[in-house]
């Protein structure tokens, strides 16, 4: 029997099962059964990894007809629409709902200049020490920094540093924000496939993070050095929209952009010696589970 995906909630500190949208399909495409390794892999590489499939799916989810999916989706995933700036009836498509903005009072921002805050609602994995090697080690697997950033020169700045992976599931608000004030460079697009970033997929294929379509922005800060901000697209979520003014000063908590339909991920990389993670996150990370955090919550403090 396949064990359910579980995460730990930062606020309640309770372990909760995650209702995975399209779980049967994910296990077929990325699982380890004989059917998955034969039929599933053939379907994955022939169809589902390609942006064209996500593009075609997006046409429907951008249409007004897709509005009929919003209410059942909210009921299944227990989405609190009191947090949304718009009512269900006001959305023009499912993607309009999917990229909804939340009321600021439901996601208060820790405005201290000495903290890094969560850039998005999601499930967080701490990368406490990237080591002196050129890889991120996640659950025993090595992920190449130079391949992730598409630059060995840029990657070298983060050797021995730290980072976080934030995985967004379909039920989350898919807008993301700056975790600290600073100067944001131009967003650099790196083309790639659109594999799922759900743990069902990444536990089998950890290289997904550097194979998928992604966007890299460098954030130069006064108190935390340079931060690499990486948005990673995924199946049915290849559209990564940037809403900030590029090559400009940005404020902590300012919107950076949004993902359209699907699961997706954000990776933040920090230079060595710049920060220390919040004590409660370090304690919760000992569980080996992803930690459910919300926009604006403090992730780390300046180490100096």
C-alpha atoms as a PDB file:
ATOM      1  CA  UNK A   1       0.000   0.000   0.000  1.00  0.00           C
ATOM      2  CA  UNK A   2       1.324   3.451  -0.938  1.00  0.00           C
ATOM      3  CA  UNK A   3       1.809   5.768   2.023  1.00  0.00           C
ATOM      4  CA  UNK A   4       0.044   9.166   1.776  1.00  0.00           C
ATOM      5  CA  UNK A   5       2.087  12.328   1.351  1.00  0.00           C
ATOM      6  CA  UNK A   6       2.424  14.129   4.694  1.00  0.00           C
ATOM      7  CA  UNK A   7       3.580  17.607   5.733  1.00  0.00           C
ATOM      8  CA  UNK A   8       3.949  19.347   9.098  1.00  0.00           C
ATOM      9  CA  UNK A   9       2.086  22.594   9.750  1.00  0.00           C
ATOM     10  CA  UNK A  10       4.299  25.310  11.229  1.00  0.00           C
ATOM     11  CA  UNK A  11       1.516  26.952  13.234  1.00  0.00           C
ATOM     12  CA  UNK A  12      -0.200  23.899  14.737  1.00  0.00           C
ATOM     13  CA  UNK A  13       2.955  21.702  14.542  1.00  0.00           C
ATOM     14  CA  UNK A  14       0.663  18.845  13.548  1.00  0.00           C
ATOM     15  CA  UNK A  15       1.489  16.303  10.853  1.00  0.00           C
ATOM     16  CA  UNK A  16      -1.244  16.379   8.218  1.00  0.00           C
ATOM     17  CA  UNK A  17      -1.876  14.320   5.079  1.00  0.00           C
ATOM     18  CA  UNK A  18      -1.813  16.202   1.782  1.00  0.00           C
ATOM     19  CA  UNK A  19      -4.657  15.707  -0.658  1.00  0.00           C
ATOM     20  CA  UNK A  20      -2.769  15.453  -3.959  1.00  0.00           C
ATOM     21  CA  UNK A  21      -4.632  16.697  -7.024  1.00  0.00           C
ATOM     22  CA  UNK A  22      -4.270  14.053  -9.743  1.00  0.00           C
ATOM     23  CA  UNK A  23      -2.440  11.636  -7.437  1.00  0.00           C
ATOM     24  CA  UNK A  24      -3.341   8.530  -9.447  1.00  0.00           C
ATOM     25  CA  UNK A  25      -1.937  10.065 -12.591  1.00  0.00           C
ATOM     26  CA  UNK A  26       1.240  11.188 -10.813  1.00  0.00           C
ATOM     27  CA  UNK A  27       1.852   7.703  -9.425  1.00  0.00           C
ATOM     28  CA  UNK A  28       1.297   6.216 -12.882  1.00  0.00           C
ATOM     29  CA  UNK A  29       3.778   8.586 -14.526  1.00  0.00           C
ATOM     30  CA  UNK A  30       6.437   8.768 -11.790  1.00  0.00           C
ATOM     31  CA  UNK A  31       5.902   5.705  -9.583  1.00  0.00           C
ATOM     32  CA  UNK A  32       8.053   2.607  -9.215  1.00  0.00           C
ATOM     33  CA  UNK A  33       5.566  -0.136 -10.119  1.00  0.00           C
ATOM     34  CA  UNK A  34       6.074  -2.182 -13.276  1.00  0.00           C
ATOM     35  CA  UNK A  35       3.195  -0.356 -15.001  1.00  0.00           C
ATOM     36  CA  UNK A  36       4.680   3.017 -14.039  1.00  0.00           C
ATOM     37  CA  UNK A  37       8.158   2.099 -15.256  1.00  0.00           C
ATOM     38  CA  UNK A  38       6.825   0.952 -18.619  1.00  0.00           C
ATOM     39  CA  UNK A  39       3.501   2.501 -19.645  1.00  0.00           C
ATOM     40  CA  UNK A  40       3.804   5.510 -17.316  1.00  0.00           C
ATOM     41  CA  UNK A  41       7.308   6.474 -18.419  1.00  0.00           C
ATOM     42  CA  UNK A  42       6.344   6.146 -22.077  1.00  0.00           C
ATOM     43  CA  UNK A  43       3.413   8.535 -21.586  1.00  0.00           C
ATOM     44  CA  UNK A  44       5.521  10.922 -19.506  1.00  0.00           C
ATOM     45  CA  UNK A  45       8.290  11.330 -22.064  1.00  0.00           C
ATOM     46  CA  UNK A  46       6.018  11.183 -25.104  1.00  0.00           C
ATOM     47  CA  UNK A  47       3.440  13.731 -23.923  1.00  0.00           C
ATOM     48  CA  UNK A  48       3.283  15.119 -20.399  1.00  0.00           C
ATOM     49  CA  UNK A  49       6.777  16.594 -20.057  1.00  0.00           C
ATOM     50  CA  UNK A  50       6.282  18.887 -23.037  1.00  0.00           C
ATOM     51  CA  UNK A  51       5.080  22.526 -22.749  1.00  0.00           C
ATOM     52  CA  UNK A  52       2.540  21.975 -25.558  1.00  0.00           C
ATOM     53  CA  UNK A  53       0.414  19.768 -23.263  1.00  0.00           C
ATOM     54  CA  UNK A  54       0.404  22.414 -20.525  1.00  0.00           C
ATOM     55  CA  UNK A  55      -0.353  25.112 -23.108  1.00  0.00           C
ATOM     56  CA  UNK A  56      -3.360  23.199 -24.436  1.00  0.00           C
ATOM     57  CA  UNK A  57      -4.646  22.572 -20.906  1.00  0.00           C
ATOM     58  CA  UNK A  58      -4.201  26.255 -20.114  1.00  0.00           C
ATOM     59  CA  UNK A  59      -6.523  27.295 -22.949  1.00  0.00           C
ATOM     60  CA  UNK A  60      -9.442  25.637 -21.175  1.00  0.00           C
ATOM     61  CA  UNK A  61      -8.484  26.908 -17.718  1.00  0.00           C
ATOM     62  CA  UNK A  62      -8.290  30.463 -19.107  1.00  0.00           C
ATOM     63  CA  UNK A  63     -11.837  30.189 -20.494  1.00  0.00           C
ATOM     64  CA  UNK A  64     -15.009  31.301 -18.754  1.00  0.00           C
ATOM     65  CA  UNK A  65     -16.359  27.751 -18.996  1.00  0.00           C
ATOM     66  CA  UNK A  66     -13.737  26.647 -16.469  1.00  0.00           C
ATOM     67  CA  UNK A  67     -15.411  28.764 -13.757  1.00  0.00           C
ATOM     68  CA  UNK A  68     -17.634  25.768 -13.000  1.00  0.00           C
ATOM     69  CA  UNK A  69     -14.586  24.046 -11.469  1.00  0.00           C
ATOM     70  CA  UNK A  70     -13.910  26.696  -8.828  1.00  0.00           C
ATOM     71  CA  UNK A  71     -16.542  25.855  -6.207  1.00  0.00           C
ATOM     72  CA  UNK A  72     -15.935  22.058  -6.209  1.00  0.00           C
ATOM     73  CA  UNK A  73     -12.188  22.721  -6.016  1.00  0.00           C
ATOM     74  CA  UNK A  74     -12.652  24.988  -2.982  1.00  0.00           C
ATOM     75  CA  UNK A  75     -14.826  22.375  -1.290  1.00  0.00           C
ATOM     76  CA  UNK A  76     -12.394  19.528  -1.896  1.00  0.00           C
ATOM     77  CA  UNK A  77      -9.312  21.405  -0.681  1.00  0.00           C
ATOM     78  CA  UNK A  78     -11.070  23.383   2.100  1.00  0.00           C
ATOM     79  CA  UNK A  79      -9.984  26.741   0.707  1.00  0.00           C
ATOM     80  CA  UNK A  80     -10.996  29.652   2.928  1.00  0.00           C
ATOM     81  CA  UNK A  81     -12.422  32.169   0.482  1.00  0.00           C
ATOM     82  CA  UNK A  82     -12.608  34.802   3.232  1.00  0.00           C
ATOM     83  CA  UNK A  83      -8.885  35.221   2.527  1.00  0.00           C
ATOM     84  CA  UNK A  84      -9.492  36.074  -1.137  1.00  0.00           C
ATOM     85  CA  UNK A  85      -9.897  39.646  -2.346  1.00  0.00           C
ATOM     86  CA  UNK A  86     -12.611  38.444  -4.760  1.00  0.00           C
ATOM     87  CA  UNK A  87     -15.688  36.267  -4.303  1.00  0.00           C
ATOM     88  CA  UNK A  88     -16.052  33.041  -6.298  1.00  0.00           C
ATOM     89  CA  UNK A  89     -18.639  34.674  -8.597  1.00  0.00           C
ATOM     90  CA  UNK A  90     -16.225  37.467  -9.535  1.00  0.00           C
ATOM     91  CA  UNK A  91     -13.554  35.281 -11.154  1.00  0.00           C
ATOM     92  CA  UNK A  92     -13.557  35.122 -14.964  1.00  0.00           C
ATOM     93  CA  UNK A  93     -11.842  31.719 -15.272  1.00  0.00           C
ATOM     94  CA  UNK A  94     -10.300  28.971 -13.171  1.00  0.00           C
ATOM     95  CA  UNK A  95      -6.854  30.460 -13.784  1.00  0.00           C
ATOM     96  CA  UNK A  96      -8.160  33.821 -12.583  1.00  0.00           C
ATOM     97  CA  UNK A  97      -9.124  32.082  -9.341  1.00  0.00           C
ATOM     98  CA  UNK A  98      -5.878  30.109  -9.249  1.00  0.00           C
ATOM     99  CA  UNK A  99      -3.828  33.338  -9.325  1.00  0.00           C
ATOM    100  CA  UNK A 100      -6.082  35.077  -6.796  1.00  0.00           C
ATOM    101  CA  UNK A 101      -4.716  37.754  -4.491  1.00  0.00           C
ATOM    102  CA  UNK A 102      -5.222  37.361  -0.761  1.00  0.00           C
ATOM    103  CA  UNK A 103      -6.276  40.023   1.698  1.00  0.00           C
ATOM    104  CA  UNK A 104      -3.140  41.454   3.362  1.00  0.00           C
ATOM    105  CA  UNK A 105      -4.547  41.007   6.863  1.00  0.00           C
ATOM    106  CA  UNK A 106      -4.539  37.231   6.350  1.00  0.00           C
ATOM    107  CA  UNK A 107      -0.842  37.210   5.403  1.00  0.00           C
ATOM    108  CA  UNK A 108       0.825  39.800   7.666  1.00  0.00           C
ATOM    109  CA  UNK A 109       4.409  40.512   6.666  1.00  0.00           C
ATOM    110  CA  UNK A 110       7.237  40.487   9.206  1.00  0.00           C
ATOM    111  CA  UNK A 111       8.716  43.851   8.255  1.00  0.00           C
ATOM    112  CA  UNK A 112      11.900  43.644  10.319  1.00  0.00           C
ATOM    113  CA  UNK A 113      14.975  44.396   8.138  1.00  0.00           C
ATOM    114  CA  UNK A 114      16.749  41.616  10.037  1.00  0.00           C
ATOM    115  CA  UNK A 115      14.520  38.765   8.796  1.00  0.00           C
ATOM    116  CA  UNK A 116      13.969  36.807   5.591  1.00  0.00           C
ATOM    117  CA  UNK A 117      10.280  35.989   5.103  1.00  0.00           C
ATOM    118  CA  UNK A 118       8.436  33.232   3.272  1.00  0.00           C
ATOM    119  CA  UNK A 119       7.964  34.305  -0.373  1.00  0.00           C
ATOM    120  CA  UNK A 120       4.878  32.126  -0.924  1.00  0.00           C
ATOM    121  CA  UNK A 121       2.376  29.810   0.688  1.00  0.00           C
ATOM    122  CA  UNK A 122       3.906  26.363   0.413  1.00  0.00           C
ATOM    123  CA  UNK A 123       5.741  23.404   1.853  1.00  0.00           C
ATOM    124  CA  UNK A 124       9.321  24.282   2.783  1.00  0.00           C
ATOM    125  CA  UNK A 125      12.509  22.225   2.900  1.00  0.00           C
ATOM    126  CA  UNK A 126      15.541  23.822   4.570  1.00  0.00           C
ATOM    127  CA  UNK A 127      18.941  23.515   2.928  1.00  0.00           C
ATOM    128  CA  UNK A 128      21.043  24.252   6.001  1.00  0.00           C
ATOM    129  CA  UNK A 129      24.456  23.867   4.420  1.00  0.00           C
ATOM    130  CA  UNK A 130      25.160  23.561   0.729  1.00  0.00           C
ATOM    131  CA  UNK A 131      28.688  22.458   1.597  1.00  0.00           C
ATOM    132  CA  UNK A 132      31.819  23.285  -0.338  1.00  0.00           C
ATOM    133  CA  UNK A 133      30.698  21.157  -3.267  1.00  0.00           C
ATOM    134  CA  UNK A 134      28.819  22.320  -6.314  1.00  0.00           C
ATOM    135  CA  UNK A 135      25.577  20.569  -5.422  1.00  0.00           C
ATOM    136  CA  UNK A 136      22.495  20.871  -3.230  1.00  0.00           C
ATOM    137  CA  UNK A 137      21.813  17.701  -1.309  1.00  0.00           C
ATOM    138  CA  UNK A 138      18.090  17.023  -0.926  1.00  0.00           C
ATOM    139  CA  UNK A 139      17.051  13.759   0.727  1.00  0.00           C
ATOM    140  CA  UNK A 140      20.402  12.226  -0.181  1.00  0.00           C
ATOM    141  CA  UNK A 141      20.343  13.293  -3.818  1.00  0.00           C
ATOM    142  CA  UNK A 142      22.771  15.797  -5.345  1.00  0.00           C
ATOM    143  CA  UNK A 143      21.279  18.639  -7.371  1.00  0.00           C
ATOM    144  CA  UNK A 144      23.760  20.658  -9.430  1.00  0.00           C
ATOM    145  CA  UNK A 145      23.848  24.369  -8.533  1.00  0.00           C
ATOM    146  CA  UNK A 146      25.438  25.344 -11.841  1.00  0.00           C
ATOM    147  CA  UNK A 147      22.763  23.465 -13.773  1.00  0.00           C
ATOM    148  CA  UNK A 148      19.988  24.917 -11.640  1.00  0.00           C
ATOM    149  CA  UNK A 149      21.214  28.492 -12.213  1.00  0.00           C
ATOM    150  CA  UNK A 150      22.546  27.771 -15.722  1.00  0.00           C
ATOM    151  CA  UNK A 151      25.788  29.482 -14.707  1.00  0.00           C
ATOM    152  CA  UNK A 152      28.866  28.046 -13.003  1.00  0.00           C
ATOM    153  CA  UNK A 153      30.074  31.591 -12.252  1.00  0.00           C
ATOM    154  CA  UNK A 154      26.862  32.543 -10.437  1.00  0.00           C
ATOM    155  CA  UNK A 155      26.641  29.169  -8.695  1.00  0.00           C
ATOM    156  CA  UNK A 156      30.103  29.637  -7.172  1.00  0.00           C
ATOM    157  CA  UNK A 157      28.772  32.523  -5.074  1.00  0.00           C
ATOM    158  CA  UNK A 158      26.524  30.131  -3.158  1.00  0.00           C
ATOM    159  CA  UNK A 159      28.900  27.241  -2.464  1.00  0.00           C
ATOM    160  CA  UNK A 160      28.883  26.666   1.299  1.00  0.00           C
ATOM    161  CA  UNK A 161      25.742  28.749   1.724  1.00  0.00           C
ATOM    162  CA  UNK A 162      22.173  27.759   2.525  1.00  0.00           C
ATOM    163  CA  UNK A 163      18.716  27.846   0.970  1.00  0.00           C
ATOM    164  CA  UNK A 164      15.095  26.775   0.977  1.00  0.00           C
ATOM    165  CA  UNK A 165      12.857  24.907  -1.422  1.00  0.00           C
ATOM    166  CA  UNK A 166       9.215  25.998  -1.383  1.00  0.00           C
ATOM    167  CA  UNK A 167       6.793  23.624  -3.096  1.00  0.00           C
ATOM    168  CA  UNK A 168       3.410  25.080  -4.011  1.00  0.00           C
ATOM    169  CA  UNK A 169       0.513  22.678  -4.464  1.00  0.00           C
ATOM    170  CA  UNK A 170      -2.599  23.510  -6.536  1.00  0.00           C
ATOM    171  CA  UNK A 171      -4.615  24.564  -3.455  1.00  0.00           C
ATOM    172  CA  UNK A 172      -2.119  27.315  -2.576  1.00  0.00           C
ATOM    173  CA  UNK A 173      -2.208  30.959  -3.535  1.00  0.00           C
ATOM    174  CA  UNK A 174       0.179  31.051  -6.514  1.00  0.00           C
ATOM    175  CA  UNK A 175       1.461  34.589  -6.154  1.00  0.00           C
ATOM    176  CA  UNK A 176       4.963  35.026  -4.800  1.00  0.00           C
ATOM    177  CA  UNK A 177       6.718  37.921  -3.090  1.00  0.00           C
ATOM    178  CA  UNK A 178      10.130  39.360  -2.235  1.00  0.00           C
ATOM    179  CA  UNK A 179      11.468  38.026   1.096  1.00  0.00           C
ATOM    180  CA  UNK A 180      13.615  41.093   1.772  1.00  0.00           C
ATOM    181  CA  UNK A 181      14.242  44.537   0.272  1.00  0.00           C
ATOM    182  CA  UNK A 182      17.040  45.003  -2.238  1.00  0.00           C
ATOM    183  CA  UNK A 183      17.942  45.559  -5.879  1.00  0.00           C
ATOM    184  CA  UNK A 184      16.394  42.940  -8.179  1.00  0.00           C
ATOM    185  CA  UNK A 185      18.135  42.207 -11.470  1.00  0.00           C
ATOM    186  CA  UNK A 186      16.453  41.335 -14.726  1.00  0.00           C
ATOM    187  CA  UNK A 187      14.657  37.968 -14.602  1.00  0.00           C
ATOM    188  CA  UNK A 188      16.544  35.405 -16.696  1.00  0.00           C
ATOM    189  CA  UNK A 189      14.479  32.700 -18.396  1.00  0.00           C
ATOM    190  CA  UNK A 190      15.876  29.192 -18.763  1.00  0.00           C
ATOM    191  CA  UNK A 191      13.823  26.973 -21.049  1.00  0.00           C
ATOM    192  CA  UNK A 192      13.115  23.366 -20.141  1.00  0.00           C
ATOM    193  CA  UNK A 193      10.568  20.613 -19.701  1.00  0.00           C
ATOM    194  CA  UNK A 194       7.503  20.696 -17.458  1.00  0.00           C
ATOM    195  CA  UNK A 195       7.716  17.672 -15.181  1.00  0.00           C
ATOM    196  CA  UNK A 196       5.717  17.642 -11.948  1.00  0.00           C
ATOM    197  CA  UNK A 197       7.505  18.958  -8.826  1.00  0.00           C
ATOM    198  CA  UNK A 198       5.327  16.950  -6.455  1.00  0.00           C
ATOM    199  CA  UNK A 199       7.439  14.691  -4.165  1.00  0.00           C
ATOM    200  CA  UNK A 200       5.912  11.678  -5.920  1.00  0.00           C
ATOM    201  CA  UNK A 201       7.913  12.851  -8.955  1.00  0.00           C
ATOM    202  CA  UNK A 202      11.009  14.446  -7.421  1.00  0.00           C
ATOM    203  CA  UNK A 203      11.771  11.489  -5.145  1.00  0.00           C
ATOM    204  CA  UNK A 204      12.106   9.394  -8.290  1.00  0.00           C
ATOM    205  CA  UNK A 205      13.720  12.081 -10.473  1.00  0.00           C
ATOM    206  CA  UNK A 206      15.484  14.720  -8.319  1.00  0.00           C
ATOM    207  CA  UNK A 207      17.007  16.274 -11.431  1.00  0.00           C
ATOM    208  CA  UNK A 208      13.582  17.718 -12.296  1.00  0.00           C
ATOM    209  CA  UNK A 209      14.518  20.980 -10.537  1.00  0.00           C
ATOM    210  CA  UNK A 210      17.251  21.770 -13.087  1.00  0.00           C
ATOM    211  CA  UNK A 211      15.507  20.241 -16.109  1.00  0.00           C
ATOM    212  CA  UNK A 212      12.240  22.200 -15.820  1.00  0.00           C
ATOM    213  CA  UNK A 213      11.537  25.652 -17.221  1.00  0.00           C
ATOM    214  CA  UNK A 214      12.608  28.255 -14.677  1.00  0.00           C
ATOM    215  CA  UNK A 215      13.356  31.918 -14.023  1.00  0.00           C
ATOM    216  CA  UNK A 216      16.391  33.217 -12.089  1.00  0.00           C
ATOM    217  CA  UNK A 217      16.542  36.672 -10.492  1.00  0.00           C
ATOM    218  CA  UNK A 218      19.428  37.929  -8.371  1.00  0.00           C
ATOM    219  CA  UNK A 219      18.458  40.043  -5.363  1.00  0.00           C
ATOM    220  CA  UNK A 220      21.253  42.232  -3.961  1.00  0.00           C
ATOM    221  CA  UNK A 221      20.529  43.166  -0.340  1.00  0.00           C
ATOM    222  CA  UNK A 222      22.146  45.290   2.360  1.00  0.00           C
ATOM    223  CA  UNK A 223      21.942  42.768   5.199  1.00  0.00           C
ATOM    224  CA  UNK A 224      21.837  39.337   3.549  1.00  0.00           C
ATOM    225  CA  UNK A 225      24.252  39.598   0.633  1.00  0.00           C
ATOM    226  CA  UNK A 226      23.154  38.193  -2.718  1.00  0.00           C
ATOM    227  CA  UNK A 227      20.083  35.963  -2.940  1.00  0.00           C
ATOM    228  CA  UNK A 228      19.274  33.786  -5.963  1.00  0.00           C
ATOM    229  CA  UNK A 229      15.494  33.669  -6.434  1.00  0.00           C
ATOM    230  CA  UNK A 230      14.499  30.758  -8.704  1.00  0.00           C
ATOM    231  CA  UNK A 231      10.935  30.026  -9.844  1.00  0.00           C
ATOM    232  CA  UNK A 232      10.398  26.582 -11.330  1.00  0.00           C
ATOM    233  CA  UNK A 233       7.498  25.751 -13.606  1.00  0.00           C
ATOM    234  CA  UNK A 234       5.820  22.356 -13.654  1.00  0.00           C
ATOM    235  CA  UNK A 235       3.204  20.299 -15.481  1.00  0.00           C
ATOM    236  CA  UNK A 236       0.244  22.551 -16.352  1.00  0.00           C
ATOM    237  CA  UNK A 237       2.164  25.400 -14.707  1.00  0.00           C
ATOM    238  CA  UNK A 238       4.660  26.507 -17.318  1.00  0.00           C
ATOM    239  CA  UNK A 239       3.488  30.102 -17.298  1.00  0.00           C
ATOM    240  CA  UNK A 240       5.613  32.127 -14.852  1.00  0.00           C
ATOM    241  CA  UNK A 241       4.590  35.786 -14.915  1.00  0.00           C
ATOM    242  CA  UNK A 242       6.816  38.544 -13.539  1.00  0.00           C
ATOM    243  CA  UNK A 243       4.911  41.567 -12.205  1.00  0.00           C
ATOM    244  CA  UNK A 244       7.771  43.531 -10.609  1.00  0.00           C
ATOM    245  CA  UNK A 245       9.819  46.278 -12.270  1.00  0.00           C
ATOM    246  CA  UNK A 246      13.048  44.564 -13.289  1.00  0.00           C
ATOM    247  CA  UNK A 247      16.468  46.092 -12.591  1.00  0.00           C
ATOM    248  CA  UNK A 248      15.051  48.189  -9.761  1.00  0.00           C
ATOM    249  CA  UNK A 249      14.867  48.502  -5.983  1.00  0.00           C
ATOM    250  CA  UNK A 250      12.102  46.302  -4.551  1.00  0.00           C
ATOM    251  CA  UNK A 251      10.530  46.305  -1.106  1.00  0.00           C
ATOM    252  CA  UNK A 252      10.111  43.357   1.226  1.00  0.00           C
ATOM    253  CA  UNK A 253       6.636  41.885   0.739  1.00  0.00           C
ATOM    254  CA  UNK A 254       6.247  43.407  -2.739  1.00  0.00           C
ATOM    255  CA  UNK A 255       4.738  41.046  -5.300  1.00  0.00           C
ATOM    256  CA  UNK A 256       7.290  39.504  -7.657  1.00  0.00           C
ATOM    257  CA  UNK A 257       4.969  37.465  -9.881  1.00  0.00           C
ATOM    258  CA  UNK A 258       2.661  34.481 -10.142  1.00  0.00           C
ATOM    259  CA  UNK A 259       2.331  30.959 -11.546  1.00  0.00           C
ATOM    260  CA  UNK A 260      -0.672  29.868 -13.541  1.00  0.00           C
ATOM    261  CA  UNK A 261      -2.385  26.504 -13.074  1.00  0.00           C
ATOM    262  CA  UNK A 262      -0.585  23.545 -11.545  1.00  0.00           C
ATOM    263  CA  UNK A 263       2.016  22.772  -8.912  1.00  0.00           C
ATOM    264  CA  UNK A 264       5.284  24.677  -8.931  1.00  0.00           C
ATOM    265  CA  UNK A 265       8.303  25.489  -6.765  1.00  0.00           C
ATOM    266  CA  UNK A 266      10.568  28.315  -5.615  1.00  0.00           C
ATOM    267  CA  UNK A 267      14.180  27.922  -4.536  1.00  0.00           C
ATOM    268  CA  UNK A 268      16.025  30.651  -2.618  1.00  0.00           C
ATOM    269  CA  UNK A 269      19.820  30.394  -2.314  1.00  0.00           C
ATOM    270  CA  UNK A 270      21.861  32.394   0.206  1.00  0.00           C
ATOM    271  CA  UNK A 271      25.594  33.093   0.355  1.00  0.00           C
ATOM    272  CA  UNK A 272      27.693  31.591   3.183  1.00  0.00           C
ATOM    273  CA  UNK A 273      27.422  33.100   6.660  1.00  0.00           C
ATOM    274  CA  UNK A 274      24.564  35.466   5.897  1.00  0.00           C
ATOM    275  CA  UNK A 275      21.712  34.053   7.987  1.00  0.00           C
ATOM    276  CA  UNK A 276      20.475  31.536  10.519  1.00  0.00           C
ATOM    277  CA  UNK A 277      17.137  29.785  10.152  1.00  0.00           C
ATOM    278  CA  UNK A 278      14.362  30.346  12.704  1.00  0.00           C
ATOM    279  CA  UNK A 279      14.661  27.981  15.669  1.00  0.00           C
ATOM    280  CA  UNK A 280      11.181  26.490  15.226  1.00  0.00           C
ATOM    281  CA  UNK A 281      11.890  25.646  11.577  1.00  0.00           C
ATOM    282  CA  UNK A 282      15.152  23.946  12.490  1.00  0.00           C
ATOM    283  CA  UNK A 283      13.321  21.861  15.077  1.00  0.00           C
ATOM    284  CA  UNK A 284      10.453  20.949  12.740  1.00  0.00           C
ATOM    285  CA  UNK A 285      12.867  20.046   9.944  1.00  0.00           C
ATOM    286  CA  UNK A 286      14.180  17.193  12.101  1.00  0.00           C
ATOM    287  CA  UNK A 287      10.946  15.356  11.251  1.00  0.00           C
ATOM    288  CA  UNK A 288      12.172  14.949   7.674  1.00  0.00           C
ATOM    289  CA  UNK A 289       8.850  16.331   6.425  1.00  0.00           C
ATOM    290  CA  UNK A 290       8.161  19.465   4.439  1.00  0.00           C
ATOM    291  CA  UNK A 291       7.021  22.373   6.633  1.00  0.00           C
ATOM    292  CA  UNK A 292       3.825  24.207   5.692  1.00  0.00           C
ATOM    293  CA  UNK A 293       4.546  27.963   5.897  1.00  0.00           C
ATOM    294  CA  UNK A 294       2.603  31.025   4.840  1.00  0.00           C
ATOM    295  CA  UNK A 295       3.494  34.244   3.044  1.00  0.00           C
ATOM    296  CA  UNK A 296       5.247  36.761   5.296  1.00  0.00           C
ATOM    297  CA  UNK A 297       6.268  34.411   8.095  1.00  0.00           C
ATOM    298  CA  UNK A 298       9.934  34.805   9.161  1.00  0.00           C
ATOM    299  CA  UNK A 299      12.181  32.068   7.780  1.00  0.00           C
ATOM    300  CA  UNK A 300      15.593  33.254   8.916  1.00  0.00           C
ATOM    301  CA  UNK A 301      17.443  36.035  10.746  1.00  0.00           C
ATOM    302  CA  UNK A 302      20.610  37.911   9.889  1.00  0.00           C
ATOM    303  CA  UNK A 303      23.591  36.086  11.331  1.00  0.00           C
ATOM    304  CA  UNK A 304      25.702  39.168  12.045  1.00  0.00           C
END
